């Protein structure tokens, strides 16, 4: 009899634990935080995958600064030089700052975007209509701009760490990590200095999101109408197309952002560039307009995988939450949004 009681108690304990876990998942504070948590984890995982590509991209953008002529660096050549001068792990220089950037930037961007979309869909449902493309675009642009401002200090630390190896050995800062870089930059340049390059960072984020929103939606529609590709293949192809145009629209601003965030005062206390416009003017005059698109292939390779990895992981974590949460909540999949009890969030592949 005793053994039967113990045996019967196990399912009861398991059921109680499951109910408690479901209760935590559906606590109002947890529900509000999940979009931010899912986005941050997805972004950090994607960053760990493409960090070497980002390192090469930054080195390409900083090569030949102030000179129109000279050797033309290649992604392969820079990769070879980095490995030859140190070790393979040098390609992961700045990873701590890259991950910290995702904690702030991607967490905020995806979190704000999903929050905006839930509110928009709730209002649309109340009025028996659909959220318009203009509203989706506005939500994406706003979320991207806000997140870029929040994540700028980590972005700055990332650029400083990645560009440090270009200096003479005696002039290098040799940052020990992201927090060391942030602390030392704040001490030397003031807290406001942590937002160096914030303007092109915000514009870059908005250009990325606009390119993504516009071309992913259209590409997905055309592929659905004119091809027999599976849904997953359509999403993959649409992401690649959107990534190309998002890269084309945002690379000049990413280039300027890198130059502004890398610069430091000379002995006279002057900076090479006064701001976005001054940097653009000097680069165009001294290096040529095509310099803004140097390393386009590398930049695209950096953007496209991130655009595929991050939303895939974010959706997986969201689906896990739905499967282990309230069974009465339902998920309806449509080409560009999902609805959960009337709350919808757009599932465009998100850019970095």
C-alpha atoms as a PDB file:
ATOM      1  CA  UNK A   1       0.000   0.000   0.000  1.00  0.00           C
ATOM      2  CA  UNK A   2       2.810   2.383   0.926  1.00  0.00           C
ATOM      3  CA  UNK A   3       4.609   1.737  -2.337  1.00  0.00           C
ATOM      4  CA  UNK A   4       1.412   2.472  -4.269  1.00  0.00           C
ATOM      5  CA  UNK A   5       1.054   5.816  -2.507  1.00  0.00           C
ATOM      6  CA  UNK A   6       4.616   6.819  -3.368  1.00  0.00           C
ATOM      7  CA  UNK A   7       4.149   5.697  -6.956  1.00  0.00           C
ATOM      8  CA  UNK A   8       0.916   7.660  -7.346  1.00  0.00           C
ATOM      9  CA  UNK A   9       2.452  10.781  -5.806  1.00  0.00           C
ATOM     10  CA  UNK A  10       5.072  11.188  -8.558  1.00  0.00           C
ATOM     11  CA  UNK A  11       2.623  12.266 -11.298  1.00  0.00           C
ATOM     12  CA  UNK A  12       0.999  14.635  -8.817  1.00  0.00           C
ATOM     13  CA  UNK A  13       4.358  16.247  -7.998  1.00  0.00           C
ATOM     14  CA  UNK A  14       5.231  16.508 -11.699  1.00  0.00           C
ATOM     15  CA  UNK A  15       1.846  18.033 -12.514  1.00  0.00           C
ATOM     16  CA  UNK A  16       2.219  20.554  -9.689  1.00  0.00           C
ATOM     17  CA  UNK A  17       5.697  21.563 -10.912  1.00  0.00           C
ATOM     18  CA  UNK A  18       4.353  21.958 -14.455  1.00  0.00           C
ATOM     19  CA  UNK A  19       1.496  24.133 -13.238  1.00  0.00           C
ATOM     20  CA  UNK A  20       3.884  26.298 -11.219  1.00  0.00           C
ATOM     21  CA  UNK A  21       6.173  26.716 -14.258  1.00  0.00           C
ATOM     22  CA  UNK A  22       3.192  27.649 -16.419  1.00  0.00           C
ATOM     23  CA  UNK A  23       2.100  30.140 -13.791  1.00  0.00           C
ATOM     24  CA  UNK A  24       5.512  31.826 -13.844  1.00  0.00           C
ATOM     25  CA  UNK A  25       5.519  31.967 -17.650  1.00  0.00           C
ATOM     26  CA  UNK A  26       2.142  33.695 -17.670  1.00  0.00           C
ATOM     27  CA  UNK A  27       2.822  36.156 -14.900  1.00  0.00           C
ATOM     28  CA  UNK A  28       2.237  39.687 -16.310  1.00  0.00           C
ATOM     29  CA  UNK A  29       5.833  40.729 -15.665  1.00  0.00           C
ATOM     30  CA  UNK A  30       7.163  37.567 -17.333  1.00  0.00           C
ATOM     31  CA  UNK A  31       4.919  38.063 -20.372  1.00  0.00           C
ATOM     32  CA  UNK A  32       6.153  41.637 -20.724  1.00  0.00           C
ATOM     33  CA  UNK A  33       9.810  40.598 -20.410  1.00  0.00           C
ATOM     34  CA  UNK A  34       9.774  37.555 -22.724  1.00  0.00           C
ATOM     35  CA  UNK A  35      10.058  39.465 -26.045  1.00  0.00           C
ATOM     36  CA  UNK A  36      13.125  41.263 -24.689  1.00  0.00           C
ATOM     37  CA  UNK A  37      14.689  38.062 -23.300  1.00  0.00           C
ATOM     38  CA  UNK A  38      14.009  36.033 -26.454  1.00  0.00           C
ATOM     39  CA  UNK A  39      15.420  38.767 -28.667  1.00  0.00           C
ATOM     40  CA  UNK A  40      18.544  39.217 -26.572  1.00  0.00           C
ATOM     41  CA  UNK A  41      19.377  35.497 -26.452  1.00  0.00           C
ATOM     42  CA  UNK A  42      18.812  35.142 -30.191  1.00  0.00           C
ATOM     43  CA  UNK A  43      20.989  38.161 -30.954  1.00  0.00           C
ATOM     44  CA  UNK A  44      23.824  36.977 -28.703  1.00  0.00           C
ATOM     45  CA  UNK A  45      23.857  33.543 -30.324  1.00  0.00           C
ATOM     46  CA  UNK A  46      23.936  35.062 -33.804  1.00  0.00           C
ATOM     47  CA  UNK A  47      26.766  37.414 -32.774  1.00  0.00           C
ATOM     48  CA  UNK A  48      28.872  34.495 -31.571  1.00  0.00           C
ATOM     49  CA  UNK A  49      28.460  32.967 -35.036  1.00  0.00           C
ATOM     50  CA  UNK A  50      29.431  36.013 -37.123  1.00  0.00           C
ATOM     51  CA  UNK A  51      31.914  37.833 -34.848  1.00  0.00           C
ATOM     52  CA  UNK A  52      34.965  36.987 -37.049  1.00  0.00           C
ATOM     53  CA  UNK A  53      33.168  38.447 -40.077  1.00  0.00           C
ATOM     54  CA  UNK A  54      32.426  41.627 -38.132  1.00  0.00           C
ATOM     55  CA  UNK A  55      36.092  41.901 -37.148  1.00  0.00           C
ATOM     56  CA  UNK A  56      37.161  41.700 -40.806  1.00  0.00           C
ATOM     57  CA  UNK A  57      34.466  44.190 -41.822  1.00  0.00           C
ATOM     58  CA  UNK A  58      35.732  46.814 -39.373  1.00  0.00           C
ATOM     59  CA  UNK A  59      39.345  46.364 -40.474  1.00  0.00           C
ATOM     60  CA  UNK A  60      38.272  46.810 -44.112  1.00  0.00           C
ATOM     61  CA  UNK A  61      36.477  50.060 -43.293  1.00  0.00           C
ATOM     62  CA  UNK A  62      39.481  51.490 -41.457  1.00  0.00           C
ATOM     63  CA  UNK A  63      42.090  50.501 -44.045  1.00  0.00           C
ATOM     64  CA  UNK A  64      43.553  53.321 -46.159  1.00  0.00           C
ATOM     65  CA  UNK A  65      41.948  56.091 -44.111  1.00  0.00           C
ATOM     66  CA  UNK A  66      42.578  59.487 -45.719  1.00  0.00           C
ATOM     67  CA  UNK A  67      44.135  58.072 -48.898  1.00  0.00           C
ATOM     68  CA  UNK A  68      42.464  57.668 -52.292  1.00  0.00           C
ATOM     69  CA  UNK A  69      45.160  55.375 -53.666  1.00  0.00           C
ATOM     70  CA  UNK A  70      47.191  52.557 -52.219  1.00  0.00           C
ATOM     71  CA  UNK A  71      46.835  48.815 -51.680  1.00  0.00           C
ATOM     72  CA  UNK A  72      43.268  47.560 -51.816  1.00  0.00           C
ATOM     73  CA  UNK A  73      42.676  45.246 -48.860  1.00  0.00           C
ATOM     74  CA  UNK A  74      40.572  42.130 -49.234  1.00  0.00           C
ATOM     75  CA  UNK A  75      38.608  40.168 -46.669  1.00  0.00           C
ATOM     76  CA  UNK A  76      40.814  37.123 -47.247  1.00  0.00           C
ATOM     77  CA  UNK A  77      44.001  39.178 -46.937  1.00  0.00           C
ATOM     78  CA  UNK A  78      42.890  40.812 -43.690  1.00  0.00           C
ATOM     79  CA  UNK A  79      41.858  37.455 -42.254  1.00  0.00           C
ATOM     80  CA  UNK A  80      45.252  36.015 -43.162  1.00  0.00           C
ATOM     81  CA  UNK A  81      47.078  38.963 -41.581  1.00  0.00           C
ATOM     82  CA  UNK A  82      45.084  38.759 -38.337  1.00  0.00           C
ATOM     83  CA  UNK A  83      45.826  35.056 -37.980  1.00  0.00           C
ATOM     84  CA  UNK A  84      49.492  35.470 -38.963  1.00  0.00           C
ATOM     85  CA  UNK A  85      50.088  38.259 -36.435  1.00  0.00           C
ATOM     86  CA  UNK A  86      48.551  36.452 -33.503  1.00  0.00           C
ATOM     87  CA  UNK A  87      46.194  33.531 -33.390  1.00  0.00           C
ATOM     88  CA  UNK A  88      42.857  32.408 -34.754  1.00  0.00           C
ATOM     89  CA  UNK A  89      41.063  33.652 -31.636  1.00  0.00           C
ATOM     90  CA  UNK A  90      42.130  37.205 -32.537  1.00  0.00           C
ATOM     91  CA  UNK A  91      39.237  37.090 -35.011  1.00  0.00           C
ATOM     92  CA  UNK A  92      36.996  37.111 -31.942  1.00  0.00           C
ATOM     93  CA  UNK A  93      38.502  40.321 -30.573  1.00  0.00           C
ATOM     94  CA  UNK A  94      35.710  42.391 -29.060  1.00  0.00           C
ATOM     95  CA  UNK A  95      33.343  39.452 -28.596  1.00  0.00           C
ATOM     96  CA  UNK A  96      32.526  40.544 -25.037  1.00  0.00           C
ATOM     97  CA  UNK A  97      31.524  43.982 -26.351  1.00  0.00           C
ATOM     98  CA  UNK A  98      29.580  42.401 -29.204  1.00  0.00           C
ATOM     99  CA  UNK A  99      27.608  40.259 -26.779  1.00  0.00           C
ATOM    100  CA  UNK A 100      27.051  43.235 -24.484  1.00  0.00           C
ATOM    101  CA  UNK A 101      25.788  45.201 -27.474  1.00  0.00           C
ATOM    102  CA  UNK A 102      23.245  42.477 -28.169  1.00  0.00           C
ATOM    103  CA  UNK A 103      22.119  42.531 -24.532  1.00  0.00           C
ATOM    104  CA  UNK A 104      21.164  46.174 -24.955  1.00  0.00           C
ATOM    105  CA  UNK A 105      20.594  46.726 -28.687  1.00  0.00           C
ATOM    106  CA  UNK A 106      18.895  43.559 -29.914  1.00  0.00           C
ATOM    107  CA  UNK A 107      17.041  42.967 -26.666  1.00  0.00           C
ATOM    108  CA  UNK A 108      15.610  46.480 -26.827  1.00  0.00           C
ATOM    109  CA  UNK A 109      14.967  46.429 -30.591  1.00  0.00           C
ATOM    110  CA  UNK A 110      13.091  43.147 -30.723  1.00  0.00           C
ATOM    111  CA  UNK A 111      11.388  43.786 -27.413  1.00  0.00           C
ATOM    112  CA  UNK A 112      10.142  47.253 -28.332  1.00  0.00           C
ATOM    113  CA  UNK A 113       9.150  46.078 -31.814  1.00  0.00           C
ATOM    114  CA  UNK A 114       7.032  43.201 -30.527  1.00  0.00           C
ATOM    115  CA  UNK A 115       5.519  45.426 -27.850  1.00  0.00           C
ATOM    116  CA  UNK A 116       4.622  48.086 -30.435  1.00  0.00           C
ATOM    117  CA  UNK A 117       3.112  45.444 -32.726  1.00  0.00           C
ATOM    118  CA  UNK A 118       1.023  43.892 -29.970  1.00  0.00           C
ATOM    119  CA  UNK A 119      -0.456  47.292 -29.175  1.00  0.00           C
ATOM    120  CA  UNK A 120      -1.066  48.060 -32.857  1.00  0.00           C
ATOM    121  CA  UNK A 121      -2.737  44.693 -33.445  1.00  0.00           C
ATOM    122  CA  UNK A 122      -4.920  45.066 -30.372  1.00  0.00           C
ATOM    123  CA  UNK A 123      -6.173  48.422 -31.675  1.00  0.00           C
ATOM    124  CA  UNK A 124      -6.582  47.027 -35.194  1.00  0.00           C
ATOM    125  CA  UNK A 125      -8.613  44.070 -33.933  1.00  0.00           C
ATOM    126  CA  UNK A 126     -10.824  46.369 -31.883  1.00  0.00           C
ATOM    127  CA  UNK A 127     -11.569  48.334 -35.074  1.00  0.00           C
ATOM    128  CA  UNK A 128     -11.935  45.175 -37.210  1.00  0.00           C
ATOM    129  CA  UNK A 129      -9.026  45.985 -39.517  1.00  0.00           C
ATOM    130  CA  UNK A 130      -5.425  44.948 -40.222  1.00  0.00           C
ATOM    131  CA  UNK A 131      -2.221  46.697 -39.231  1.00  0.00           C
ATOM    132  CA  UNK A 132      -0.929  48.586 -42.276  1.00  0.00           C
ATOM    133  CA  UNK A 133       2.543  48.295 -43.777  1.00  0.00           C
ATOM    134  CA  UNK A 134       3.217  51.926 -42.849  1.00  0.00           C
ATOM    135  CA  UNK A 135       2.447  51.135 -39.205  1.00  0.00           C
ATOM    136  CA  UNK A 136       4.734  48.084 -39.268  1.00  0.00           C
ATOM    137  CA  UNK A 137       7.498  50.150 -40.841  1.00  0.00           C
ATOM    138  CA  UNK A 138       7.063  52.925 -38.278  1.00  0.00           C
ATOM    139  CA  UNK A 139       7.239  50.372 -35.460  1.00  0.00           C
ATOM    140  CA  UNK A 140      10.431  48.899 -36.899  1.00  0.00           C
ATOM    141  CA  UNK A 141      12.090  52.267 -37.452  1.00  0.00           C
ATOM    142  CA  UNK A 142      11.173  53.548 -34.002  1.00  0.00           C
ATOM    143  CA  UNK A 143      12.313  50.376 -32.247  1.00  0.00           C
ATOM    144  CA  UNK A 144      15.570  50.370 -34.201  1.00  0.00           C
ATOM    145  CA  UNK A 145      16.312  54.014 -33.448  1.00  0.00           C
ATOM    146  CA  UNK A 146      15.631  53.732 -29.718  1.00  0.00           C
ATOM    147  CA  UNK A 147      17.653  50.534 -29.420  1.00  0.00           C
ATOM    148  CA  UNK A 148      20.597  52.034 -31.318  1.00  0.00           C
ATOM    149  CA  UNK A 149      20.827  54.890 -28.821  1.00  0.00           C
ATOM    150  CA  UNK A 150      20.666  52.469 -25.895  1.00  0.00           C
ATOM    151  CA  UNK A 151      23.326  50.183 -27.356  1.00  0.00           C
ATOM    152  CA  UNK A 152      25.745  52.848 -28.621  1.00  0.00           C
ATOM    153  CA  UNK A 153      28.225  52.617 -25.683  1.00  0.00           C
ATOM    154  CA  UNK A 154      28.670  48.878 -26.229  1.00  0.00           C
ATOM    155  CA  UNK A 155      28.941  49.483 -29.984  1.00  0.00           C
ATOM    156  CA  UNK A 156      31.662  52.061 -29.336  1.00  0.00           C
ATOM    157  CA  UNK A 157      33.570  49.640 -27.098  1.00  0.00           C
ATOM    158  CA  UNK A 158      33.343  46.991 -29.825  1.00  0.00           C
ATOM    159  CA  UNK A 159      34.872  49.283 -32.477  1.00  0.00           C
ATOM    160  CA  UNK A 160      37.632  50.467 -30.125  1.00  0.00           C
ATOM    161  CA  UNK A 161      38.578  46.891 -29.244  1.00  0.00           C
ATOM    162  CA  UNK A 162      38.551  45.734 -32.870  1.00  0.00           C
ATOM    163  CA  UNK A 163      40.603  48.689 -34.117  1.00  0.00           C
ATOM    164  CA  UNK A 164      43.141  48.627 -31.272  1.00  0.00           C
ATOM    165  CA  UNK A 165      45.327  46.120 -33.104  1.00  0.00           C
ATOM    166  CA  UNK A 166      45.888  48.599 -35.949  1.00  0.00           C
ATOM    167  CA  UNK A 167      47.877  50.920 -33.676  1.00  0.00           C
ATOM    168  CA  UNK A 168      51.573  50.704 -32.914  1.00  0.00           C
ATOM    169  CA  UNK A 169      52.190  48.299 -29.991  1.00  0.00           C
ATOM    170  CA  UNK A 170      53.157  51.127 -27.640  1.00  0.00           C
ATOM    171  CA  UNK A 171      49.981  53.079 -28.466  1.00  0.00           C
ATOM    172  CA  UNK A 172      47.505  50.248 -27.954  1.00  0.00           C
ATOM    173  CA  UNK A 173      44.993  50.362 -25.128  1.00  0.00           C
ATOM    174  CA  UNK A 174      44.956  46.553 -24.778  1.00  0.00           C
ATOM    175  CA  UNK A 175      41.450  46.507 -23.341  1.00  0.00           C
ATOM    176  CA  UNK A 176      40.806  43.506 -21.108  1.00  0.00           C
ATOM    177  CA  UNK A 177      37.149  43.366 -22.039  1.00  0.00           C
ATOM    178  CA  UNK A 178      34.008  45.359 -22.730  1.00  0.00           C
ATOM    179  CA  UNK A 179      33.622  46.783 -19.227  1.00  0.00           C
ATOM    180  CA  UNK A 180      37.287  47.753 -19.086  1.00  0.00           C
ATOM    181  CA  UNK A 181      36.894  49.567 -22.417  1.00  0.00           C
ATOM    182  CA  UNK A 182      33.739  51.382 -21.290  1.00  0.00           C
ATOM    183  CA  UNK A 183      35.322  52.458 -18.005  1.00  0.00           C
ATOM    184  CA  UNK A 184      38.503  53.757 -19.603  1.00  0.00           C
ATOM    185  CA  UNK A 185      36.673  55.557 -22.414  1.00  0.00           C
ATOM    186  CA  UNK A 186      34.357  57.255 -19.909  1.00  0.00           C
ATOM    187  CA  UNK A 187      37.315  58.383 -17.791  1.00  0.00           C
ATOM    188  CA  UNK A 188      39.282  59.733 -20.754  1.00  0.00           C
ATOM    189  CA  UNK A 189      36.459  61.239 -22.828  1.00  0.00           C
ATOM    190  CA  UNK A 190      33.623  61.702 -20.366  1.00  0.00           C
ATOM    191  CA  UNK A 191      30.361  59.803 -20.104  1.00  0.00           C
ATOM    192  CA  UNK A 192      29.017  61.693 -23.131  1.00  0.00           C
ATOM    193  CA  UNK A 193      31.930  60.247 -25.102  1.00  0.00           C
ATOM    194  CA  UNK A 194      30.276  56.835 -24.871  1.00  0.00           C
ATOM    195  CA  UNK A 195      27.726  58.116 -27.369  1.00  0.00           C
ATOM    196  CA  UNK A 196      30.285  59.054 -30.022  1.00  0.00           C
ATOM    197  CA  UNK A 197      28.901  58.175 -33.448  1.00  0.00           C
ATOM    198  CA  UNK A 198      25.359  57.871 -32.113  1.00  0.00           C
ATOM    199  CA  UNK A 199      23.792  59.747 -35.047  1.00  0.00           C
ATOM    200  CA  UNK A 200      25.049  57.429 -37.823  1.00  0.00           C
ATOM    201  CA  UNK A 201      24.372  54.467 -35.522  1.00  0.00           C
ATOM    202  CA  UNK A 202      20.707  55.451 -35.288  1.00  0.00           C
ATOM    203  CA  UNK A 203      20.434  56.223 -39.019  1.00  0.00           C
ATOM    204  CA  UNK A 204      22.123  52.902 -39.837  1.00  0.00           C
ATOM    205  CA  UNK A 205      19.654  51.002 -37.668  1.00  0.00           C
ATOM    206  CA  UNK A 206      16.709  52.759 -39.296  1.00  0.00           C
ATOM    207  CA  UNK A 207      18.079  52.141 -42.809  1.00  0.00           C
ATOM    208  CA  UNK A 208      18.589  48.467 -41.997  1.00  0.00           C
ATOM    209  CA  UNK A 209      15.074  48.058 -40.689  1.00  0.00           C
ATOM    210  CA  UNK A 210      13.532  49.971 -43.587  1.00  0.00           C
ATOM    211  CA  UNK A 211      15.416  47.898 -46.156  1.00  0.00           C
ATOM    212  CA  UNK A 212      14.457  44.722 -44.364  1.00  0.00           C
ATOM    213  CA  UNK A 213      10.785  45.602 -43.921  1.00  0.00           C
ATOM    214  CA  UNK A 214      10.309  46.805 -47.490  1.00  0.00           C
ATOM    215  CA  UNK A 215      12.120  44.089 -49.409  1.00  0.00           C
ATOM    216  CA  UNK A 216      11.399  41.064 -47.211  1.00  0.00           C
ATOM    217  CA  UNK A 217       7.663  41.659 -47.452  1.00  0.00           C
ATOM    218  CA  UNK A 218       7.738  42.158 -51.231  1.00  0.00           C
ATOM    219  CA  UNK A 219      10.173  39.295 -51.881  1.00  0.00           C
ATOM    220  CA  UNK A 220       8.112  36.884 -49.770  1.00  0.00           C
ATOM    221  CA  UNK A 221       4.963  37.848 -51.680  1.00  0.00           C
ATOM    222  CA  UNK A 222       6.588  37.436 -55.113  1.00  0.00           C
ATOM    223  CA  UNK A 223       8.206  34.122 -54.196  1.00  0.00           C
ATOM    224  CA  UNK A 224       4.903  32.789 -52.915  1.00  0.00           C
ATOM    225  CA  UNK A 225       3.105  33.795 -56.122  1.00  0.00           C
ATOM    226  CA  UNK A 226       5.715  32.800 -58.708  1.00  0.00           C
ATOM    227  CA  UNK A 227       7.636  29.845 -57.238  1.00  0.00           C
ATOM    228  CA  UNK A 228       6.926  26.420 -55.793  1.00  0.00           C
ATOM    229  CA  UNK A 229       9.462  26.797 -52.987  1.00  0.00           C
ATOM    230  CA  UNK A 230       8.531  25.541 -49.546  1.00  0.00           C
ATOM    231  CA  UNK A 231       7.606  28.080 -46.888  1.00  0.00           C
ATOM    232  CA  UNK A 232      10.985  27.751 -45.177  1.00  0.00           C
ATOM    233  CA  UNK A 233      12.810  28.144 -48.512  1.00  0.00           C
ATOM    234  CA  UNK A 234      10.741  31.229 -49.308  1.00  0.00           C
ATOM    235  CA  UNK A 235      11.674  32.733 -45.952  1.00  0.00           C
ATOM    236  CA  UNK A 236      15.358  31.916 -46.511  1.00  0.00           C
ATOM    237  CA  UNK A 237      15.388  33.440 -50.013  1.00  0.00           C
ATOM    238  CA  UNK A 238      13.391  36.501 -48.934  1.00  0.00           C
ATOM    239  CA  UNK A 239      15.798  37.021 -46.047  1.00  0.00           C
ATOM    240  CA  UNK A 240      18.764  36.885 -48.435  1.00  0.00           C
ATOM    241  CA  UNK A 241      17.140  39.418 -50.778  1.00  0.00           C
ATOM    242  CA  UNK A 242      16.146  41.719 -47.929  1.00  0.00           C
ATOM    243  CA  UNK A 243      19.638  41.413 -46.479  1.00  0.00           C
ATOM    244  CA  UNK A 244      21.165  42.591 -49.764  1.00  0.00           C
ATOM    245  CA  UNK A 245      19.063  45.743 -49.979  1.00  0.00           C
ATOM    246  CA  UNK A 246      19.324  46.441 -46.262  1.00  0.00           C
ATOM    247  CA  UNK A 247      23.109  46.209 -46.626  1.00  0.00           C
ATOM    248  CA  UNK A 248      23.083  48.539 -49.629  1.00  0.00           C
ATOM    249  CA  UNK A 249      21.029  51.177 -47.816  1.00  0.00           C
ATOM    250  CA  UNK A 250      22.880  51.028 -44.508  1.00  0.00           C
ATOM    251  CA  UNK A 251      26.549  50.368 -45.350  1.00  0.00           C
ATOM    252  CA  UNK A 252      27.516  54.054 -45.900  1.00  0.00           C
ATOM    253  CA  UNK A 253      26.171  54.901 -42.439  1.00  0.00           C
ATOM    254  CA  UNK A 254      27.872  51.854 -40.932  1.00  0.00           C
ATOM    255  CA  UNK A 255      31.137  53.001 -42.552  1.00  0.00           C
ATOM    256  CA  UNK A 256      30.814  56.504 -41.087  1.00  0.00           C
ATOM    257  CA  UNK A 257      29.823  55.066 -37.698  1.00  0.00           C
ATOM    258  CA  UNK A 258      32.988  52.965 -37.620  1.00  0.00           C
ATOM    259  CA  UNK A 259      35.197  55.935 -38.517  1.00  0.00           C
ATOM    260  CA  UNK A 260      33.584  58.205 -35.909  1.00  0.00           C
ATOM    261  CA  UNK A 261      33.695  55.632 -33.132  1.00  0.00           C
ATOM    262  CA  UNK A 262      37.300  54.703 -33.836  1.00  0.00           C
ATOM    263  CA  UNK A 263      38.621  58.282 -33.862  1.00  0.00           C
ATOM    264  CA  UNK A 264      40.386  59.763 -30.846  1.00  0.00           C
ATOM    265  CA  UNK A 265      41.814  63.210 -30.147  1.00  0.00           C
ATOM    266  CA  UNK A 266      45.334  63.963 -31.357  1.00  0.00           C
ATOM    267  CA  UNK A 267      48.011  65.759 -29.327  1.00  0.00           C
ATOM    268  CA  UNK A 268      46.380  69.119 -30.026  1.00  0.00           C
ATOM    269  CA  UNK A 269      43.030  67.857 -28.747  1.00  0.00           C
ATOM    270  CA  UNK A 270      41.369  67.850 -32.178  1.00  0.00           C
ATOM    271  CA  UNK A 271      39.346  65.032 -33.713  1.00  0.00           C
ATOM    272  CA  UNK A 272      39.731  63.996 -37.382  1.00  0.00           C
ATOM    273  CA  UNK A 273      35.975  64.316 -37.960  1.00  0.00           C
ATOM    274  CA  UNK A 274      33.456  66.711 -36.435  1.00  0.00           C
ATOM    275  CA  UNK A 275      30.433  64.555 -37.113  1.00  0.00           C
ATOM    276  CA  UNK A 276      28.463  62.558 -39.685  1.00  0.00           C
ATOM    277  CA  UNK A 277      28.386  65.229 -42.410  1.00  0.00           C
ATOM    278  CA  UNK A 278      32.034  66.231 -41.957  1.00  0.00           C
ATOM    279  CA  UNK A 279      33.135  62.593 -42.073  1.00  0.00           C
ATOM    280  CA  UNK A 280      31.094  61.928 -45.220  1.00  0.00           C
ATOM    281  CA  UNK A 281      32.493  65.030 -46.915  1.00  0.00           C
ATOM    282  CA  UNK A 282      36.127  64.237 -46.076  1.00  0.00           C
ATOM    283  CA  UNK A 283      35.870  60.587 -47.079  1.00  0.00           C
ATOM    284  CA  UNK A 284      34.226  61.495 -50.398  1.00  0.00           C
ATOM    285  CA  UNK A 285      36.894  64.139 -51.099  1.00  0.00           C
ATOM    286  CA  UNK A 286      39.982  62.266 -49.925  1.00  0.00           C
ATOM    287  CA  UNK A 287      39.073  58.641 -50.615  1.00  0.00           C
ATOM    288  CA  UNK A 288      36.275  58.730 -53.202  1.00  0.00           C
ATOM    289  CA  UNK A 289      32.568  57.934 -53.040  1.00  0.00           C
ATOM    290  CA  UNK A 290      33.086  54.223 -53.631  1.00  0.00           C
ATOM    291  CA  UNK A 291      34.976  53.986 -50.347  1.00  0.00           C
ATOM    292  CA  UNK A 292      31.636  54.027 -48.516  1.00  0.00           C
ATOM    293  CA  UNK A 293      30.896  50.626 -50.075  1.00  0.00           C
ATOM    294  CA  UNK A 294      34.271  49.029 -49.428  1.00  0.00           C
ATOM    295  CA  UNK A 295      33.736  45.550 -48.032  1.00  0.00           C
ATOM    296  CA  UNK A 296      30.130  45.302 -49.230  1.00  0.00           C
ATOM    297  CA  UNK A 297      30.434  41.532 -49.671  1.00  0.00           C
ATOM    298  CA  UNK A 298      31.776  41.097 -46.155  1.00  0.00           C
ATOM    299  CA  UNK A 299      29.079  43.356 -44.742  1.00  0.00           C
ATOM    300  CA  UNK A 300      26.375  41.382 -46.540  1.00  0.00           C
ATOM    301  CA  UNK A 301      27.814  38.092 -45.287  1.00  0.00           C
ATOM    302  CA  UNK A 302      27.665  39.607 -41.804  1.00  0.00           C
ATOM    303  CA  UNK A 303      24.073  40.797 -42.172  1.00  0.00           C
ATOM    304  CA  UNK A 304      22.448  37.808 -43.901  1.00  0.00           C
ATOM    305  CA  UNK A 305      23.370  35.019 -41.427  1.00  0.00           C
ATOM    306  CA  UNK A 306      22.432  37.229 -38.475  1.00  0.00           C
ATOM    307  CA  UNK A 307      19.095  37.953 -40.134  1.00  0.00           C
ATOM    308  CA  UNK A 308      18.437  34.221 -40.370  1.00  0.00           C
ATOM    309  CA  UNK A 309      19.869  32.981 -37.063  1.00  0.00           C
ATOM    310  CA  UNK A 310      18.357  35.595 -34.749  1.00  0.00           C
ATOM    311  CA  UNK A 311      14.690  35.336 -35.817  1.00  0.00           C
ATOM    312  CA  UNK A 312      14.884  31.535 -36.011  1.00  0.00           C
ATOM    313  CA  UNK A 313      16.102  31.271 -32.429  1.00  0.00           C
ATOM    314  CA  UNK A 314      13.720  33.975 -31.269  1.00  0.00           C
ATOM    315  CA  UNK A 315      10.770  32.128 -32.800  1.00  0.00           C
ATOM    316  CA  UNK A 316      11.964  28.822 -31.305  1.00  0.00           C
ATOM    317  CA  UNK A 317      12.066  30.316 -27.824  1.00  0.00           C
ATOM    318  CA  UNK A 318       8.653  31.902 -28.362  1.00  0.00           C
ATOM    319  CA  UNK A 319       7.210  28.571 -29.561  1.00  0.00           C
ATOM    320  CA  UNK A 320       8.713  26.844 -26.508  1.00  0.00           C
ATOM    321  CA  UNK A 321       6.967  29.381 -24.309  1.00  0.00           C
ATOM    322  CA  UNK A 322       3.654  28.740 -26.068  1.00  0.00           C
ATOM    323  CA  UNK A 323       3.976  24.951 -25.852  1.00  0.00           C
ATOM    324  CA  UNK A 324       4.718  25.038 -22.127  1.00  0.00           C
ATOM    325  CA  UNK A 325       2.284  27.766 -21.229  1.00  0.00           C
ATOM    326  CA  UNK A 326      -1.483  28.122 -21.122  1.00  0.00           C
ATOM    327  CA  UNK A 327      -3.035  25.462 -23.447  1.00  0.00           C
ATOM    328  CA  UNK A 328      -5.925  27.819 -24.230  1.00  0.00           C
ATOM    329  CA  UNK A 329      -3.572  30.304 -25.903  1.00  0.00           C
ATOM    330  CA  UNK A 330      -3.425  29.675 -29.650  1.00  0.00           C
ATOM    331  CA  UNK A 331      -0.995  30.543 -32.374  1.00  0.00           C
ATOM    332  CA  UNK A 332      -2.193  31.431 -35.880  1.00  0.00           C
ATOM    333  CA  UNK A 333       0.572  31.703 -38.484  1.00  0.00           C
ATOM    334  CA  UNK A 334       0.259  34.138 -41.389  1.00  0.00           C
ATOM    335  CA  UNK A 335       2.895  35.307 -43.906  1.00  0.00           C
ATOM    336  CA  UNK A 336       4.040  38.310 -41.887  1.00  0.00           C
ATOM    337  CA  UNK A 337       2.599  38.099 -38.400  1.00  0.00           C
ATOM    338  CA  UNK A 338       1.521  35.716 -35.681  1.00  0.00           C
ATOM    339  CA  UNK A 339      -1.469  36.191 -33.425  1.00  0.00           C
ATOM    340  CA  UNK A 340      -1.748  34.973 -29.850  1.00  0.00           C
ATOM    341  CA  UNK A 341      -5.189  35.639 -28.395  1.00  0.00           C
ATOM    342  CA  UNK A 342      -5.407  38.788 -30.473  1.00  0.00           C
ATOM    343  CA  UNK A 343      -1.856  39.921 -29.687  1.00  0.00           C
ATOM    344  CA  UNK A 344       0.273  39.864 -32.811  1.00  0.00           C
ATOM    345  CA  UNK A 345       3.910  40.416 -33.481  1.00  0.00           C
ATOM    346  CA  UNK A 346       5.504  40.759 -36.904  1.00  0.00           C
ATOM    347  CA  UNK A 347       7.987  38.030 -37.742  1.00  0.00           C
ATOM    348  CA  UNK A 348      10.163  39.821 -40.270  1.00  0.00           C
ATOM    349  CA  UNK A 349      13.770  38.614 -40.079  1.00  0.00           C
ATOM    350  CA  UNK A 350      15.439  41.218 -37.920  1.00  0.00           C
ATOM    351  CA  UNK A 351      18.698  42.960 -38.766  1.00  0.00           C
ATOM    352  CA  UNK A 352      21.651  43.959 -36.650  1.00  0.00           C
END
